[in-house]
Amino acid sequence: MNKVILIGRLTRDPEMRTTMSGMNVTRFTIAVTRTYQDQNGERTADFINCVAWRKQAENIAKYCTKGTQVAVDGRIQTGSYDAQDGTKRYTTDIICDNVTFLGSKSDNNNGNSYNNNYNSNNNDTFNDQPQSMPTSDISEDPFKDFGEEIALSDDDLPF
């Protein structure tokens, strides 16, 4: 089984091209934050190359820019080529089956999120208008208005 699910932010604006056969292809890179911290207490990120095809490629190029947060569902594809200097170079890309737009950095400030649940195998179901969906601002403590600390015993927990 070859299945990948990633959430990250675009590191630059996506680049869309059209193949000689007329198919659209968009390449983009997302930064995916690692779950652990380094020795300095900072989180690092992996920069992962992604490729989308057809209508999905058009939508990514149209609606996404540098900083947009996306969820990518796809598969890993490896390849190789001979560079101009004669060395063999290896590539690893995520071929996108589904890309969901989670929002841009500016959207996180005003609570907007755009959802593009477009399956590349179904060309008939895409709605050209992004849908606004509410999101939660996680930079703020959601329990700040509850007052004093609540004491719980192990007997209060259902597990």
Protein backbone atom coordinates (compact mmCIF):
# COMPACT_ATOMS: atom_id res chain seq x y z
CA MET A 1 0.00 0.00 0.00
CA ASN A 2 1.32 3.44 -0.93
CA LYS A 3 -0.70 6.13 0.92
CA VAL A 4 0.37 9.52 2.27
CA ILE A 5 -1.58 12.15 4.21
CA LEU A 6 0.19 15.44 5.01
CA ILE A 7 -0.75 18.85 6.37
CA GLY A 8 1.55 21.77 5.69
CA ARG A 9 1.96 25.25 4.24
CA LEU A 10 3.04 26.09 0.70
CA THR A 11 6.61 27.36 0.67
CA ARG A 12 6.08 29.36 -2.54
CA ASP A 13 3.35 30.04 -5.08
CA PRO A 14 2.36 26.91 -7.02
CA GLU A 15 3.60 26.56 -10.61
CA MET A 16 1.08 25.32 -13.19
CA ARG A 17 2.08 24.12 -16.64
CA THR A 18 0.27 22.41 -19.47
CA THR A 19 1.68 19.25 -21.04
CA MET A 20 1.95 18.83 -24.79
CA SER A 21 -1.21 16.70 -24.66
CA GLY A 22 -3.10 19.59 -22.99
CA MET A 23 -3.18 18.26 -19.43
CA ASN A 24 -2.59 20.74 -16.58
CA VAL A 25 0.00 19.89 -13.94
CA THR A 26 0.85 21.96 -10.87
CA ARG A 27 3.97 21.51 -8.75
CA PHE A 28 4.20 22.90 -5.24
CA THR A 29 6.18 22.30 -2.07
CA ILE A 30 4.73 22.14 1.42
CA ALA A 31 6.54 22.55 4.73
CA VAL A 32 5.38 19.91 7.20
CA THR A 33 6.34 20.62 10.81
CA ARG A 34 7.86 17.69 12.68
CA THR A 35 6.21 16.63 15.94
CA TYR A 36 9.38 16.79 18.01
CA GLN A 37 11.76 19.62 18.92
CA ASP A 38 15.50 19.77 18.26
CA GLN A 39 18.17 20.28 20.94
CA ASN A 40 17.49 24.05 20.94
CA GLY A 41 13.78 23.50 21.62
CA GLU A 42 12.77 24.49 18.09
CA ARG A 43 10.62 22.52 15.71
CA THR A 44 11.98 21.70 12.28
CA ALA A 45 10.11 21.00 9.07
CA ASP A 46 10.34 18.69 6.11
CA PHE A 47 9.90 20.24 2.66
CA ILE A 48 7.90 17.89 0.48
CA ASN A 49 7.38 18.22 -3.28
CA CYS A 50 3.83 17.62 -4.51
CA VAL A 51 2.31 17.21 -7.97
CA ALA A 52 -1.36 17.65 -8.89
CA TRP A 53 -3.00 16.99 -12.26
CA ARG A 54 -5.98 18.16 -14.35
CA LYS A 55 -8.73 20.28 -12.73
CA GLN A 56 -7.19 19.88 -9.28
CA ALA A 57 -3.98 21.44 -10.66
CA GLU A 58 -5.98 24.42 -11.93
CA ASN A 59 -7.71 24.90 -8.58
CA ILE A 60 -4.47 24.83 -6.61
CA ALA A 61 -2.89 27.37 -8.96
CA LYS A 62 -6.01 29.55 -8.77
CA TYR A 63 -6.71 29.50 -5.02
CA CYS A 64 -3.37 28.78 -3.29
CA THR A 65 -0.40 31.06 -2.70
CA LYS A 66 2.70 30.96 -0.54
CA GLY A 67 1.65 30.32 3.07
CA THR A 68 -1.65 28.57 2.27
CA GLN A 69 -2.23 25.60 4.54
CA VAL A 70 -3.32 22.43 2.74
CA ALA A 71 -4.02 18.81 3.53
CA VAL A 72 -2.63 16.48 0.86
CA ASP A 73 -3.82 12.92 0.35
CA GLY A 74 -1.85 10.95 -2.21
CA ARG A 75 0.96 8.51 -2.92
CA ILE A 76 4.76 8.61 -3.04
CA GLN A 77 6.41 8.38 -6.44
CA THR A 78 10.17 8.12 -6.84
CA GLY A 79 12.19 8.67 -9.98
CA SER A 80 15.64 9.48 -11.27
CA TYR A 81 17.34 11.40 -14.07
CA ASP A 82 20.84 12.14 -15.31
CA ALA A 83 21.92 15.70 -14.50
CA GLN A 84 23.90 17.88 -16.93
CA ASP A 85 27.08 17.13 -15.01
CA GLY A 86 26.58 13.38 -15.61
CA THR A 87 25.51 12.47 -12.07
CA LYS A 88 22.36 10.52 -11.36
CA ARG A 89 19.76 12.46 -9.38
CA TYR A 90 16.86 10.92 -7.49
CA THR A 91 13.46 12.51 -6.92
CA THR A 92 10.61 11.87 -4.51
CA ASP A 93 7.21 13.48 -5.10
CA ILE A 94 3.75 13.14 -3.63
CA ILE A 95 1.20 12.58 -6.41
CA CYS A 96 -1.95 14.22 -5.07
CA ASP A 97 -5.25 12.35 -5.15
CA ASN A 98 -7.01 14.96 -3.04
CA VAL A 99 -5.98 18.41 -1.77
CA THR A 100 -8.05 20.22 0.86
CA PHE A 101 -7.51 23.96 1.28
CA LEU A 102 -7.28 24.71 4.98
CA GLY A 103 -6.60 28.44 4.59
CA SER A 104 -3.83 31.00 4.33
CA LYS A 105 -1.96 32.69 7.16
CA SER A 106 -4.23 35.75 6.85
CA ASP A 107 -7.33 33.51 6.91
CA ASN A 108 -6.28 32.16 10.32
CA ASN A 109 -6.59 35.66 11.75
CA ASN A 110 -10.20 36.17 10.65
CA GLY A 111 -11.47 32.59 10.99
CA ASN A 112 -11.97 31.72 7.31
CA SER A 113 -11.06 28.42 5.72
CA TYR A 114 -11.57 27.21 2.17
CA ASN A 115 -12.30 23.58 1.44
CA ASN A 116 -11.43 21.97 -1.91
CA ASN A 117 -12.42 18.34 -1.51
CA TYR A 118 -11.83 17.54 -5.14
CA ASN A 119 -11.05 13.98 -6.08
CA SER A 120 -8.88 13.94 -9.21
CA ASN A 121 -10.82 10.95 -10.53
CA ASN A 122 -14.13 12.83 -10.64
CA ASN A 123 -14.22 15.85 -12.94
CA ASP A 124 -17.95 16.54 -12.57
CA THR A 125 -18.30 17.41 -8.88
CA PHE A 126 -16.09 20.47 -8.43
CA ASN A 127 -17.77 23.68 -7.38
CA ASP A 128 -15.78 26.72 -8.59
CA GLN A 129 -16.76 28.79 -5.54
CA PRO A 130 -14.74 28.09 -2.38
CA GLN A 131 -16.89 27.54 0.67
CA SER A 132 -16.23 29.56 3.79
CA MET A 133 -16.00 27.36 6.84
CA PRO A 134 -15.48 28.51 10.44
CA THR A 135 -12.30 27.50 12.18
CA SER A 136 -11.08 27.75 15.76
CA ASP A 137 -8.31 30.14 16.75
CA ILE A 138 -5.89 27.89 18.63
CA SER A 139 -3.63 30.77 19.64
CA GLU A 140 -6.15 31.65 22.35
CA ASP A 141 -6.92 29.57 25.46
CA PRO A 142 -10.39 28.08 24.86
CA PHE A 143 -10.96 27.63 28.61
CA LYS A 144 -9.98 31.14 29.74
CA ASP A 145 -13.58 32.12 30.69
CA PHE A 146 -14.27 29.04 32.84
CA GLY A 147 -12.83 30.55 35.98
CA GLU A 148 -11.00 28.56 38.65
CA GLU A 149 -9.21 25.25 38.12
CA ILE A 150 -11.47 22.20 38.25
CA ALA A 151 -10.28 19.33 40.42
CA LEU A 152 -11.02 15.84 39.05
CA SER A 153 -10.39 12.50 40.65
CA ASP A 154 -9.77 9.26 38.79
CA ASP A 155 -13.31 8.20 39.73
CA ASP A 156 -14.71 11.11 37.65
CA LEU A 157 -13.14 9.83 34.43
CA PRO A 158 -15.05 7.32 32.24
CA PHE A 159 -11.90 5.35 31.33
